[in-house]
């Protein structure tokens, strides 16, 4: 039997529902496969061309609004709001690990509010949640994600800083270049 004849030569006059069902299933699966491939390669091309990363982020701008646990990049432990600064050393999430992210479109940045009710700010000591109102640049952060290449990890930048915040084991700071993945964090929605 010839492949072309078996694929396209369906005899509808013989009332054979199996042929019609096979055709419909084949069309549905083919359509699904093509749409998934198109979506995958179009998203992948966004990240390969660095000029489009910002555009992609603008499209996903509200992705990080809400309450999240932050998982650190150094040891994959949960970060908590300690009075001396954010530190990622909890094995299991607790009430002190839930942070509220809010997007501010006018500055294209986020504020992060700790569970003690204070906004996080970037200082020489690192990230500390001790500010009652977000008023200065030090309370605003950029969040960059690359879900295809980094499995959903994000990088957090203090506003106008060229270096991302990194998990140093004794606190989060944005003061050096990191090539070990300590600057990659995961945001996990509260309740999951």
Protein backbone atom coordinates (compact mmCIF):
# COMPACT_ATOMS: atom_id res chain seq x y z
CA UNK A 1 0.00 0.00 0.00
CA UNK A 2 1.37 3.40 -1.00
CA UNK A 3 1.75 5.96 1.86
CA UNK A 4 0.25 8.77 -0.21
CA UNK A 5 -2.76 6.68 -1.19
CA UNK A 6 -3.33 5.45 2.36
CA UNK A 7 -3.17 8.99 3.75
CA UNK A 8 -5.25 10.91 1.24
CA UNK A 9 -7.41 8.29 -0.43
CA UNK A 10 -10.21 7.84 2.10
CA UNK A 11 -13.37 6.35 0.68
CA UNK A 12 -16.28 8.23 2.28
CA UNK A 13 -18.87 6.31 0.34
CA UNK A 14 -18.36 3.12 2.33
CA UNK A 15 -19.71 4.49 5.64
CA UNK A 16 -16.53 3.57 7.48
CA UNK A 17 -16.48 5.81 10.60
CA UNK A 18 -12.99 4.59 11.58
CA UNK A 19 -11.44 6.39 8.59
CA UNK A 20 -13.24 9.62 9.40
CA UNK A 21 -12.28 9.43 13.09
CA UNK A 22 -8.63 8.78 12.19
CA UNK A 23 -8.64 11.79 9.87
CA UNK A 24 -10.15 14.07 12.52
CA UNK A 25 -7.73 12.90 15.22
CA UNK A 26 -4.80 13.35 12.84
CA UNK A 27 -5.88 16.89 11.96
CA UNK A 28 -6.33 17.85 15.62
CA UNK A 29 -2.96 16.44 16.66
CA UNK A 30 -1.24 18.06 13.69
CA UNK A 31 -2.78 21.45 14.49
CA UNK A 32 -1.78 21.18 18.17
CA UNK A 33 1.80 20.19 17.33
CA UNK A 34 2.23 23.05 14.86
CA UNK A 35 0.86 25.68 17.28
CA UNK A 36 3.12 24.43 20.09
CA UNK A 37 6.19 24.55 17.85
CA UNK A 38 5.36 28.06 16.64
CA UNK A 39 4.91 29.30 20.22
CA UNK A 40 8.13 27.64 21.41
CA UNK A 41 10.32 29.03 18.63
CA UNK A 42 8.80 32.52 18.76
CA UNK A 43 9.45 32.73 22.53
CA UNK A 44 12.95 31.30 22.12
CA UNK A 45 13.80 33.88 19.44
CA UNK A 46 12.76 36.67 21.81
CA UNK A 47 15.53 35.67 24.19
CA UNK A 48 18.19 35.04 21.58
CA UNK A 49 17.84 38.62 20.36
CA UNK A 50 18.73 40.71 23.43
CA UNK A 51 16.90 43.73 22.01
CA UNK A 52 13.61 41.88 22.49
CA UNK A 53 14.08 40.86 26.14
CA UNK A 54 12.68 44.16 27.40
CA UNK A 55 9.76 43.92 25.00
CA UNK A 56 8.96 40.41 26.23
CA UNK A 57 9.11 41.61 29.83
CA UNK A 58 6.68 44.41 29.04
CA UNK A 59 4.20 41.85 27.71
CA UNK A 60 4.53 39.79 30.92
CA UNK A 61 4.62 42.85 33.17
CA UNK A 62 2.07 41.76 35.81
CA UNK A 63 3.41 38.25 36.11
CA UNK A 64 5.06 38.94 39.46
CA UNK A 65 2.31 40.85 41.21
CA UNK A 66 1.00 39.24 44.35
CA UNK A 67 2.37 37.25 47.24
CA UNK A 68 5.34 34.94 46.72
CA UNK A 69 7.92 32.90 48.54
CA UNK A 70 11.46 33.69 47.36
CA UNK A 71 13.80 30.72 47.00
CA UNK A 72 17.49 31.62 47.05
CA UNK A 73 19.99 30.66 44.39
CA UNK A 74 22.83 29.61 46.67
CA UNK A 75 21.29 26.67 48.53
CA UNK A 76 17.72 26.69 47.19
CA UNK A 77 16.39 27.63 50.63
CA UNK A 78 13.51 29.99 51.34
CA UNK A 79 14.33 33.63 52.03
CA UNK A 80 12.87 35.26 55.12
CA UNK A 81 12.38 38.79 56.34
CA UNK A 82 14.89 39.12 59.16
CA UNK A 83 15.23 42.55 60.85
CA UNK A 84 18.90 42.63 59.84
CA UNK A 85 18.10 41.82 56.19
CA UNK A 86 16.76 39.17 53.86
CA UNK A 87 18.43 35.82 54.37
CA UNK A 88 17.79 32.55 52.55
CA UNK A 89 18.25 29.77 55.09
CA UNK A 90 14.80 28.28 55.73
CA UNK A 91 14.20 24.70 54.61
CA UNK A 92 10.41 25.11 54.67
CA UNK A 93 8.31 28.22 54.00
CA UNK A 94 6.66 30.01 56.91
CA UNK A 95 4.73 33.22 57.49
CA UNK A 96 8.02 35.14 57.58
CA UNK A 97 8.80 34.04 54.03
CA UNK A 98 5.85 35.61 52.15
CA UNK A 99 6.69 38.77 50.19
CA UNK A 100 4.29 41.03 48.31
CA UNK A 101 5.42 42.18 44.85
CA UNK A 102 3.76 45.20 43.24
CA UNK A 103 4.49 46.46 39.75
CA UNK A 104 4.80 50.21 39.11
CA UNK A 105 4.39 50.93 35.41
CA UNK A 106 5.52 54.56 35.61
CA UNK A 107 9.01 53.43 36.67
CA UNK A 108 8.88 49.93 35.09
CA UNK A 109 9.91 48.47 38.45
CA UNK A 110 8.60 46.61 41.48
CA UNK A 111 8.33 47.21 45.18
CA UNK A 112 8.80 44.27 47.51
CA UNK A 113 7.05 44.32 50.87
CA UNK A 114 8.13 41.94 53.60
CA UNK A 115 5.76 40.06 55.90
CA UNK A 116 6.55 42.43 58.80
CA UNK A 117 4.80 45.15 56.75
CA UNK A 118 7.85 47.11 55.62
CA UNK A 119 9.18 47.73 52.12
CA UNK A 120 12.51 46.21 51.16
CA UNK A 121 15.31 48.54 50.18
CA UNK A 122 18.79 48.13 48.81
CA UNK A 123 21.61 49.53 50.91
CA UNK A 124 25.28 48.88 51.66
CA UNK A 125 24.10 46.21 54.11
CA UNK A 126 22.11 44.39 51.43
CA UNK A 127 18.35 43.98 51.08
CA UNK A 128 16.55 44.99 54.26
CA UNK A 129 12.77 45.33 54.72
CA UNK A 130 12.62 48.29 57.09
CA UNK A 131 11.01 51.18 55.17
CA UNK A 132 7.42 52.19 55.96
CA UNK A 133 6.77 53.88 52.57
CA UNK A 134 8.45 53.33 49.22
CA UNK A 135 9.68 56.80 48.26
CA UNK A 136 13.25 56.59 47.01
CA UNK A 137 14.96 54.62 44.24
CA UNK A 138 16.43 52.17 46.76
CA UNK A 139 12.94 50.69 47.34
CA UNK A 140 12.36 49.88 43.64
CA UNK A 141 13.66 46.79 41.86
CA UNK A 142 13.82 45.41 38.33
CA UNK A 143 12.94 41.76 37.83
CA UNK A 144 14.22 39.95 34.77
CA UNK A 145 13.18 36.42 33.95
CA UNK A 146 14.12 33.91 31.30
CA UNK A 147 11.68 31.02 31.62
CA UNK A 148 13.00 29.10 28.63
CA UNK A 149 16.73 29.16 29.32
CA UNK A 150 16.71 29.31 33.15
CA UNK A 151 13.74 27.11 34.08
CA UNK A 152 11.71 30.00 35.43
CA UNK A 153 14.42 31.59 37.55
CA UNK A 154 14.57 35.36 37.93
CA UNK A 155 17.17 37.98 38.68
CA UNK A 156 16.43 40.93 40.95
CA UNK A 157 18.23 44.21 40.32
CA UNK A 158 18.27 47.15 42.68
CA UNK A 159 16.90 50.13 40.72
CA UNK A 160 19.54 51.48 38.30
CA UNK A 161 22.11 48.87 39.38
CA UNK A 162 24.07 46.96 36.73
CA UNK A 163 24.56 43.98 39.09
CA UNK A 164 21.82 41.60 40.22
CA UNK A 165 21.15 40.83 43.85
CA UNK A 166 22.89 37.61 44.95
CA UNK A 167 22.34 35.15 47.81
CA UNK A 168 25.58 35.25 49.81
CA UNK A 169 24.43 32.78 52.46
CA UNK A 170 24.42 35.47 55.14
CA UNK A 171 22.13 37.86 53.28
CA UNK A 172 21.12 39.22 49.88
CA UNK A 173 23.37 41.85 48.34
CA UNK A 174 23.92 43.30 44.90
CA UNK A 175 27.57 44.17 45.16
CA UNK A 176 29.51 41.80 42.92
CA UNK A 177 29.32 39.75 39.75
CA UNK A 178 28.15 36.21 40.32
CA UNK A 179 28.83 33.32 38.00
CA UNK A 180 27.72 30.47 40.26
CA UNK A 181 23.96 30.98 40.02
CA UNK A 182 23.67 32.67 43.41
CA UNK A 183 21.91 35.56 41.69
CA UNK A 184 19.11 33.35 40.33
CA UNK A 185 15.96 33.17 42.45
CA UNK A 186 12.61 31.45 42.14
CA UNK A 187 9.30 33.09 43.01
CA UNK A 188 6.77 30.58 44.25
CA UNK A 189 3.17 31.81 44.62
CA UNK A 190 1.92 31.64 48.19
CA UNK A 191 -0.28 28.63 48.75
CA UNK A 192 1.57 26.25 46.42
